[in-house]
């Protein structure tokens, strides 16, 4: 009985690998380099919403299977090739050897081979059914998002079985989720209580210099929508947080642009209660590698994020080996990074849920601290398109601690 359990375990592992390969499009993460031309991708593969079956129509009993066309199954087809049998046998012997010292007997090997071949032949139906149900849920969620906005979509993703939504995130239509609902009004914030200047649609502007930001979300809870924090340039204005930013309500379309943000050994946002949507444009983020909690820039319950021309740089916090970009612990993660740079950070892709979607377009990933590419292979919603990638070659203890004075000379003395 124990040998039978071992065989069953090995077969289950092999099946998980097959399912993961199919659900990941034959290889999980997309390779670094240009994507296939859009014209070569069928509408269903792009996640489009036209013409898909509803879930009720897919809810058939397991034995109500559609027969394969005769042309697909010729009498002389070799369904299980000798090479596949050899690999299966080798893997079963390897699994056997992980718990026993003797050779795997032929009768056990034969029993395992029979089970394995049955799984290979029968699993495509279950895989197809699962994919069909997921697409039906995705179409319904996207239709809800057309009227309910990005938070309606994040709510559906949070329930599971909907994502990833790669086509939706990489397409220009993703930008519509961050559209302003009203006119923009520009103001210079008060030093001690910038929240008193905050209302829907306001843009708080800082000139060149180094400025302490405190009390931004102290009294406005929930925080107004379409608020923008704007500097005079990524190398001209630095905003230094007195503490992480937190609101108990939804954070609706907050924008940060044209500045450096030093989180000062804090999270940028610690939003574990309600979802958030935000845009970053030409921003450098430093100081979030503090080595406490998640040691991340963005800790959120659910997140929709668009970032363009931004830099996420580790090495400026008190614990450079630990910095990561975000911590979202459900499928409710939709993020697109365009022409962004990541350096000396952990991506922690292995912690992202399989229904999450994160698209990197034309990004530079320099001296990444963890094995991001290996982890991405198991996440079908992680896409790298036209990106470059290198790993940090030293030990975690050798991650350099960088001097912020190199970016903003005398910044502590200049802090207003």
Protein backbone atom coordinates (compact mmCIF):
# COMPACT_ATOMS: atom_id res chain seq x y z
CA UNK A 1 0.00 0.00 0.00
CA UNK A 2 2.86 2.38 0.77
CA UNK A 3 4.39 1.82 -2.68
CA UNK A 4 1.02 2.49 -4.30
CA UNK A 5 0.74 5.78 -2.40
CA UNK A 6 4.20 6.77 -3.56
CA UNK A 7 3.29 6.04 -7.18
CA UNK A 8 0.06 7.99 -6.83
CA UNK A 9 1.99 10.91 -5.39
CA UNK A 10 4.46 10.92 -8.27
CA UNK A 11 1.66 10.72 -10.81
CA UNK A 12 -0.11 13.63 -9.11
CA UNK A 13 3.08 15.69 -9.33
CA UNK A 14 3.43 14.88 -13.02
CA UNK A 15 -0.21 15.84 -13.63
CA UNK A 16 0.33 19.14 -11.82
CA UNK A 17 3.24 19.82 -14.13
CA UNK A 18 1.13 19.09 -17.21
CA UNK A 19 -1.74 21.30 -16.00
CA UNK A 20 0.67 24.10 -15.13
CA UNK A 21 2.29 23.85 -18.56
CA UNK A 22 -1.02 24.10 -20.36
CA UNK A 23 -2.47 26.85 -18.18
CA UNK A 24 0.75 28.81 -18.60
CA UNK A 25 0.55 28.70 -22.36
CA UNK A 26 3.23 26.04 -22.70
CA UNK A 27 5.86 27.66 -20.54
CA UNK A 28 4.53 29.98 -17.81
CA UNK A 29 6.20 33.38 -18.11
CA UNK A 30 6.76 34.84 -21.52
CA UNK A 31 10.36 35.09 -22.68
CA UNK A 32 12.35 38.30 -22.62
CA UNK A 33 11.94 39.90 -26.02
CA UNK A 34 9.20 41.05 -28.35
CA UNK A 35 5.78 39.48 -28.07
CA UNK A 36 4.17 37.60 -30.91
CA UNK A 37 2.29 39.85 -33.33
CA UNK A 38 -1.21 40.59 -32.10
CA UNK A 39 -2.71 39.52 -35.41
CA UNK A 40 -1.40 36.01 -34.83
CA UNK A 41 -3.35 35.63 -31.60
CA UNK A 42 -6.93 34.44 -31.78
CA UNK A 43 -9.56 36.63 -30.06
CA UNK A 44 -10.17 34.00 -27.40
CA UNK A 45 -6.45 33.88 -26.56
CA UNK A 46 -6.37 37.66 -26.14
CA UNK A 47 -9.08 37.58 -23.48
CA UNK A 48 -11.66 39.41 -25.60
CA UNK A 49 -15.24 39.28 -24.43
CA UNK A 50 -17.18 38.57 -27.63
CA UNK A 51 -19.04 35.33 -28.15
CA UNK A 52 -17.86 33.25 -25.17
CA UNK A 53 -20.13 30.59 -23.59
CA UNK A 54 -21.69 31.30 -20.22
CA UNK A 55 -20.75 29.21 -17.22
CA UNK A 56 -24.14 27.49 -17.09
CA UNK A 57 -23.62 26.17 -20.61
CA UNK A 58 -20.28 24.66 -19.58
CA UNK A 59 -21.64 22.97 -16.46
CA UNK A 60 -22.05 19.54 -18.02
CA UNK A 61 -21.54 16.21 -16.32
CA UNK A 62 -18.03 14.72 -16.67
CA UNK A 63 -19.27 11.91 -18.95
CA UNK A 64 -20.97 14.29 -21.42
CA UNK A 65 -17.79 14.73 -23.43
CA UNK A 66 -17.66 15.96 -26.98
CA UNK A 67 -16.15 13.28 -29.16
CA UNK A 68 -12.95 14.23 -30.96
CA UNK A 69 -13.29 14.50 -34.76
CA UNK A 70 -12.18 11.34 -36.52
CA UNK A 71 -9.50 13.25 -38.40
CA UNK A 72 -7.82 14.08 -35.09
CA UNK A 73 -7.47 10.45 -33.98
CA UNK A 74 -6.22 8.20 -36.76
CA UNK A 75 -5.94 4.50 -36.03
CA UNK A 76 -2.16 4.51 -36.32
CA UNK A 77 -1.54 7.61 -34.17
CA UNK A 78 1.08 7.14 -31.46
CA UNK A 79 -0.50 8.89 -28.49
CA UNK A 80 2.17 8.04 -25.93
CA UNK A 81 5.58 8.19 -27.56
CA UNK A 82 8.53 6.03 -26.49
CA UNK A 83 10.40 9.15 -25.41
CA UNK A 84 7.51 10.18 -23.12
CA UNK A 85 7.36 6.66 -21.66
CA UNK A 86 11.09 6.73 -20.97
CA UNK A 87 10.81 10.07 -19.21
CA UNK A 88 7.83 8.88 -17.16
CA UNK A 89 9.74 5.77 -16.13
CA UNK A 90 12.81 7.77 -15.15
CA UNK A 91 10.75 10.19 -13.08
CA UNK A 92 8.88 7.37 -11.32
CA UNK A 93 12.19 5.71 -10.45
CA UNK A 94 13.47 9.03 -9.17
CA UNK A 95 10.38 9.46 -7.02
CA UNK A 96 10.71 5.91 -5.73
CA UNK A 97 14.35 6.57 -4.89
CA UNK A 98 13.44 9.60 -2.81
CA UNK A 99 11.83 7.32 -0.20
CA UNK A 100 13.53 3.92 -0.73
CA UNK A 101 17.01 2.54 -1.34
CA UNK A 102 16.07 -0.43 -3.55
CA UNK A 103 15.20 -0.51 -7.26
CA UNK A 104 11.60 0.07 -8.25
CA UNK A 105 10.04 -3.33 -9.05
CA UNK A 106 8.70 -3.90 -12.54
CA UNK A 107 5.16 -4.58 -11.35
CA UNK A 108 5.06 -1.25 -9.49
CA UNK A 109 6.64 0.47 -12.46
CA UNK A 110 4.04 -1.07 -14.78
CA UNK A 111 1.18 -0.01 -12.50
CA UNK A 112 2.56 3.53 -12.39
CA UNK A 113 2.94 3.63 -16.17
CA UNK A 114 -0.69 2.62 -16.63
CA UNK A 115 -1.87 5.31 -14.27
CA UNK A 116 0.38 7.89 -15.89
CA UNK A 117 -0.84 7.13 -19.41
CA UNK A 118 -4.46 7.31 -18.28
CA UNK A 119 -3.81 10.71 -16.77
CA UNK A 120 -2.11 11.98 -19.92
CA UNK A 121 -4.98 10.82 -22.13
CA UNK A 122 -7.83 11.92 -19.85
CA UNK A 123 -6.53 15.22 -18.43
CA UNK A 124 -7.01 17.44 -21.56
CA UNK A 125 -10.78 17.34 -21.11
CA UNK A 126 -10.51 18.51 -17.49
CA UNK A 127 -8.00 21.17 -18.47
CA UNK A 128 -10.21 22.43 -21.28
CA UNK A 129 -13.22 22.53 -19.00
CA UNK A 130 -11.31 24.46 -16.35
CA UNK A 131 -10.05 26.97 -18.91
CA UNK A 132 -13.55 27.37 -20.33
CA UNK A 133 -15.03 28.09 -16.92
CA UNK A 134 -12.25 30.57 -16.16
CA UNK A 135 -12.78 32.44 -19.41
CA UNK A 136 -16.53 32.63 -18.73
CA UNK A 137 -15.84 34.19 -15.33
CA UNK A 138 -13.27 36.55 -16.83
CA UNK A 139 -15.72 37.75 -19.49
CA UNK A 140 -18.38 38.39 -16.87
CA UNK A 141 -15.88 40.24 -14.65
CA UNK A 142 -14.68 42.43 -17.52
CA UNK A 143 -18.25 43.23 -18.48
CA UNK A 144 -18.94 44.30 -14.88
CA UNK A 145 -15.81 46.45 -14.96
CA UNK A 146 -17.13 48.38 -17.97
CA UNK A 147 -19.78 49.88 -15.70
CA UNK A 148 -18.42 49.35 -12.19
CA UNK A 149 -14.82 50.36 -12.85
CA UNK A 150 -11.58 48.86 -11.70
CA UNK A 151 -12.77 48.15 -8.15
CA UNK A 152 -15.56 45.94 -9.50
CA UNK A 153 -12.91 44.01 -11.41
CA UNK A 154 -10.60 43.73 -8.41
CA UNK A 155 -13.50 42.41 -6.34
CA UNK A 156 -14.14 39.63 -8.86
CA UNK A 157 -10.44 38.80 -9.01
CA UNK A 158 -10.30 38.64 -5.24
CA UNK A 159 -12.91 35.86 -5.35
CA UNK A 160 -10.56 33.69 -7.45
CA UNK A 161 -11.01 31.74 -10.65
CA UNK A 162 -11.00 34.81 -12.93
CA UNK A 163 -7.41 35.86 -13.62
CA UNK A 164 -4.90 36.33 -14.96
CA UNK A 165 -6.03 39.02 -17.43
CA UNK A 166 -2.90 39.62 -19.47
CA UNK A 167 -4.64 41.00 -22.57
CA UNK A 168 -6.62 43.50 -20.51
CA UNK A 169 -3.56 44.83 -18.67
CA UNK A 170 -1.17 45.11 -21.61
CA UNK A 171 -3.78 46.73 -23.86
CA UNK A 172 -4.36 50.49 -24.07
CA UNK A 173 -7.84 49.97 -22.59
CA UNK A 174 -6.15 49.42 -19.21
CA UNK A 175 -5.55 53.19 -19.09
CA UNK A 176 -9.31 53.78 -18.93
CA UNK A 177 -9.37 52.40 -15.39
CA UNK A 178 -7.33 55.41 -14.22
CA UNK A 179 -9.23 58.20 -16.01
CA UNK A 180 -10.04 61.33 -14.03
CA UNK A 181 -13.68 61.96 -13.21
CA UNK A 182 -13.40 65.73 -12.95
CA UNK A 183 -11.19 68.76 -13.62
CA UNK A 184 -7.70 69.17 -12.15
CA UNK A 185 -6.97 71.95 -9.62
CA UNK A 186 -3.38 72.80 -8.66
CA UNK A 187 -2.21 73.91 -5.22
CA UNK A 188 0.97 74.26 -3.17
CA UNK A 189 0.48 72.10 -0.05
CA UNK A 190 0.79 73.36 3.52
CA UNK A 191 3.87 71.98 5.23
CA UNK A 192 2.26 70.69 8.42
CA UNK A 193 -1.24 69.73 7.20
CA UNK A 194 -1.25 69.00 3.47
CA UNK A 195 -4.45 66.98 3.94
CA UNK A 196 -6.34 70.26 4.51
CA UNK A 197 -5.64 71.13 0.89
CA UNK A 198 -6.82 67.78 -0.46
CA UNK A 199 -10.10 67.29 -2.27
CA UNK A 200 -11.25 65.39 -5.35
CA UNK A 201 -9.13 66.24 -8.38
CA UNK A 202 -6.49 68.35 -6.62
CA UNK A 203 -2.84 68.33 -7.69
CA UNK A 204 -0.39 69.22 -4.91
CA UNK A 205 2.80 70.65 -6.42
CA UNK A 206 6.28 70.92 -4.94
CA UNK A 207 9.15 72.90 -6.51
CA UNK A 208 12.75 71.69 -6.74
CA UNK A 209 14.12 70.82 -3.30
CA UNK A 210 13.75 68.29 -0.47
CA UNK A 211 10.45 68.27 1.43
CA UNK A 212 9.09 66.32 4.40
CA UNK A 213 5.60 64.92 3.85
CA UNK A 214 3.54 64.29 6.96
CA UNK A 215 -0.16 64.24 7.72
CA UNK A 216 -1.15 63.74 4.08
CA UNK A 217 -3.86 61.22 4.93
CA UNK A 218 -4.25 62.13 8.57
CA UNK A 219 -7.70 63.70 8.54
CA UNK A 220 -9.18 62.80 5.14
CA UNK A 221 -10.51 59.30 5.54
CA UNK A 222 -11.62 58.08 3.10
CA UNK A 223 -9.13 59.90 0.96
CA UNK A 224 -10.47 61.92 -2.02
CA UNK A 225 -10.16 60.52 -5.54
CA UNK A 226 -7.97 61.72 -8.42
CA UNK A 227 -5.36 63.32 -6.13
CA UNK A 228 -1.93 63.97 -7.67
CA UNK A 229 1.42 64.58 -5.95
CA UNK A 230 3.73 66.36 -8.40
CA UNK A 231 7.33 67.53 -8.23
CA UNK A 232 9.57 69.50 -10.57
CA UNK A 233 11.42 66.42 -11.87
CA UNK A 234 12.72 63.04 -10.81
CA UNK A 235 16.17 64.49 -10.00
CA UNK A 236 14.90 67.89 -8.79
CA UNK A 237 12.27 67.20 -6.11
CA UNK A 238 12.50 64.66 -3.29
CA UNK A 239 9.55 63.96 -0.98
CA UNK A 240 10.57 62.35 2.32
CA UNK A 241 7.82 60.49 4.18
CA UNK A 242 7.44 60.97 7.93
CA UNK A 243 5.47 57.68 8.05
CA UNK A 244 3.72 55.35 5.66
CA UNK A 245 0.48 56.47 4.02
CA UNK A 246 -2.72 54.83 5.19
CA UNK A 247 -6.44 55.24 4.64
CA UNK A 248 -9.33 53.05 5.79
CA UNK A 249 -11.31 53.63 2.62
CA UNK A 250 -10.57 52.88 -1.00
CA UNK A 251 -7.64 54.78 -2.47
CA UNK A 252 -9.07 55.92 -5.80
CA UNK A 253 -6.67 56.88 -8.57
CA UNK A 254 -3.85 58.51 -6.64
CA UNK A 255 -1.10 59.78 -8.96
CA UNK A 256 2.56 60.51 -8.16
CA UNK A 257 4.74 62.07 -10.85
CA UNK A 258 8.02 63.86 -11.55
CA UNK A 259 9.82 63.41 -8.24
CA UNK A 260 11.85 61.08 -6.04
CA UNK A 261 9.99 59.57 -3.08
CA UNK A 262 12.12 58.53 -0.11
CA UNK A 263 9.89 56.37 2.06
CA UNK A 264 12.43 56.76 4.89
CA UNK A 265 12.28 53.12 6.08
CA UNK A 266 8.49 53.04 5.77
CA UNK A 267 6.07 51.50 3.32
CA UNK A 268 4.82 54.00 0.78
CA UNK A 269 1.30 52.65 1.32
CA UNK A 270 0.06 50.22 3.94
CA UNK A 271 -3.47 49.52 2.71
CA UNK A 272 -4.61 46.12 3.96
CA UNK A 273 -8.33 46.89 4.34
CA UNK A 274 -9.62 48.29 1.04
CA UNK A 275 -8.43 48.14 -2.61
CA UNK A 276 -6.34 50.84 -4.28
CA UNK A 277 -5.75 52.16 -7.77
CA UNK A 278 -2.73 54.35 -8.51
CA UNK A 279 -0.49 55.68 -11.27
CA UNK A 280 3.20 56.54 -11.12
CA UNK A 281 4.86 58.63 -13.81
CA UNK A 282 8.60 59.40 -13.84
CA UNK A 283 9.11 58.67 -10.14
CA UNK A 284 12.11 57.19 -8.31
CA UNK A 285 11.24 55.20 -5.18
CA UNK A 286 13.91 54.60 -2.52
CA UNK A 287 14.12 53.77 1.17
CA UNK A 288 11.49 51.01 1.31
CA UNK A 289 14.01 48.22 2.02
CA UNK A 290 13.66 48.59 5.78
CA UNK A 291 13.82 44.90 6.73
CA UNK A 292 10.60 45.00 8.80
CA UNK A 293 7.22 43.45 8.04
CA UNK A 294 6.91 42.86 4.32
CA UNK A 295 9.78 45.31 3.68
CA UNK A 296 7.92 46.51 0.62
CA UNK A 297 6.92 49.67 -1.16
CA UNK A 298 3.24 48.81 -1.57
CA UNK A 299 1.32 46.67 0.89
CA UNK A 300 -2.28 46.46 -0.30
CA UNK A 301 -5.35 44.27 -0.11
CA UNK A 302 -5.99 44.64 -3.84
CA UNK A 303 -4.14 46.78 -6.35
CA UNK A 304 -4.47 48.22 -9.84
CA UNK A 305 -1.23 49.99 -10.80
CA UNK A 306 0.11 51.70 -13.90
CA UNK A 307 3.75 52.87 -13.82
CA UNK A 308 5.65 54.62 -16.63
CA UNK A 309 9.28 55.72 -16.66
CA UNK A 310 9.77 54.93 -12.97
CA UNK A 311 12.73 53.63 -10.97
CA UNK A 312 12.39 51.19 -8.07
CA UNK A 313 15.79 51.21 -6.39
CA UNK A 314 16.95 49.24 -3.38
CA UNK A 315 20.03 49.98 -1.33
CA UNK A 316 18.88 53.19 0.37
CA UNK A 317 17.02 51.67 3.33
CA UNK A 318 18.42 50.24 6.54
CA UNK A 319 18.26 46.63 5.26
CA UNK A 320 19.18 46.63 1.53
CA UNK A 321 18.89 42.85 1.10
CA UNK A 322 15.15 42.79 1.86
CA UNK A 323 13.41 45.39 -0.31
CA UNK A 324 10.54 44.37 -2.58
CA UNK A 325 8.00 46.29 -4.65
CA UNK A 326 4.63 45.05 -3.48
CA UNK A 327 2.84 42.57 -1.29
CA UNK A 328 -0.65 41.61 -2.53
CA UNK A 329 -1.90 38.30 -1.16
CA UNK A 330 -4.80 37.52 -3.49
CA UNK A 331 -5.47 37.29 -7.24
CA UNK A 332 -6.56 40.95 -7.10
CA UNK A 333 -3.36 42.38 -8.59
CA UNK A 334 -3.29 44.16 -11.95
CA UNK A 335 -0.03 45.97 -12.68
CA UNK A 336 1.67 47.30 -15.81
CA UNK A 337 5.21 48.68 -15.81
CA UNK A 338 6.36 50.51 -18.93
CA UNK A 339 9.99 51.60 -19.45
CA UNK A 340 10.69 51.19 -15.73
CA UNK A 341 13.93 50.23 -13.99
CA UNK A 342 14.21 47.83 -11.05
CA UNK A 343 17.55 47.52 -9.27
CA UNK A 344 18.74 45.76 -6.10
CA UNK A 345 15.23 44.59 -5.20
CA UNK A 346 13.45 41.29 -4.68
CA UNK A 347 10.46 40.77 -6.95
CA UNK A 348 9.12 37.82 -4.91
CA UNK A 349 7.16 36.52 -7.86
CA UNK A 350 6.81 33.19 -6.07
CA UNK A 351 4.49 34.94 -3.59
CA UNK A 352 2.19 36.32 -6.29
CA UNK A 353 -1.02 34.36 -6.80
CA UNK A 354 -1.50 32.48 -10.07
CA UNK A 355 -4.50 34.67 -10.95
CA UNK A 356 -2.52 37.90 -10.58
CA UNK A 357 -1.42 39.86 -13.67
CA UNK A 358 1.86 41.80 -13.84
CA UNK A 359 3.15 42.98 -17.23
CA UNK A 360 6.64 44.42 -17.77
CA UNK A 361 7.03 46.30 -21.07
CA UNK A 362 10.47 47.53 -22.13
CA UNK A 363 11.78 47.44 -18.56
CA UNK A 364 15.31 47.09 -17.20
CA UNK A 365 15.71 44.62 -14.35
CA UNK A 366 19.22 45.17 -13.01
CA UNK A 367 20.96 43.19 -10.25
CA UNK A 368 17.71 41.58 -9.07
CA UNK A 369 18.22 39.90 -5.70
CA UNK A 370 16.02 36.83 -6.14
CA UNK A 371 15.57 34.33 -8.98
CA UNK A 372 12.70 36.18 -10.63
CA UNK A 373 12.88 34.44 -14.00
CA UNK A 374 12.66 30.95 -12.50
CA UNK A 375 9.72 31.94 -10.31
CA UNK A 376 7.92 33.62 -13.23
CA UNK A 377 7.79 30.35 -15.17
CA UNK A 378 5.11 29.13 -12.77
CA UNK A 379 2.96 32.27 -13.03
CA UNK A 380 0.94 32.53 -16.27
CA UNK A 381 0.02 36.16 -15.55
CA UNK A 382 3.62 37.41 -15.42
CA UNK A 383 4.81 38.79 -18.77
CA UNK A 384 8.20 40.23 -19.77
CA UNK A 385 8.16 41.92 -23.16
CA UNK A 386 11.29 43.64 -24.53
CA UNK A 387 12.99 43.63 -21.11
CA UNK A 388 16.59 43.10 -20.00
CA UNK A 389 17.45 41.17 -16.85
CA UNK A 390 20.47 40.51 -14.64
CA UNK A 391 20.87 39.05 -11.15
CA UNK A 392 22.93 40.34 -8.27
CA UNK A 393 25.97 38.08 -8.09
CA UNK A 394 26.95 38.51 -4.45
CA UNK A 395 25.53 37.13 -1.21
CA UNK A 396 22.62 38.86 0.53
CA UNK A 397 25.09 40.33 3.02
CA UNK A 398 27.02 41.90 0.14
CA UNK A 399 24.11 43.96 -1.19
CA UNK A 400 25.52 47.50 -1.13
CA UNK A 401 24.11 50.23 1.09
CA UNK A 402 23.87 53.29 -1.12
CA UNK A 403 24.27 56.94 -0.13
CA UNK A 404 21.27 59.13 -0.87
CA UNK A 405 23.58 62.15 -0.92
CA UNK A 406 24.77 60.90 -4.31
CA UNK A 407 21.28 61.63 -5.66
CA UNK A 408 20.43 64.71 -3.58
CA UNK A 409 23.61 66.21 -2.10
CA UNK A 410 23.12 67.41 1.47
CA UNK A 411 19.50 66.32 1.46
CA UNK A 412 19.18 66.16 5.27
CA UNK A 413 20.35 69.74 5.63
CA UNK A 414 18.03 70.83 2.83
CA UNK A 415 14.96 69.10 4.25
CA UNK A 416 12.08 71.57 4.61
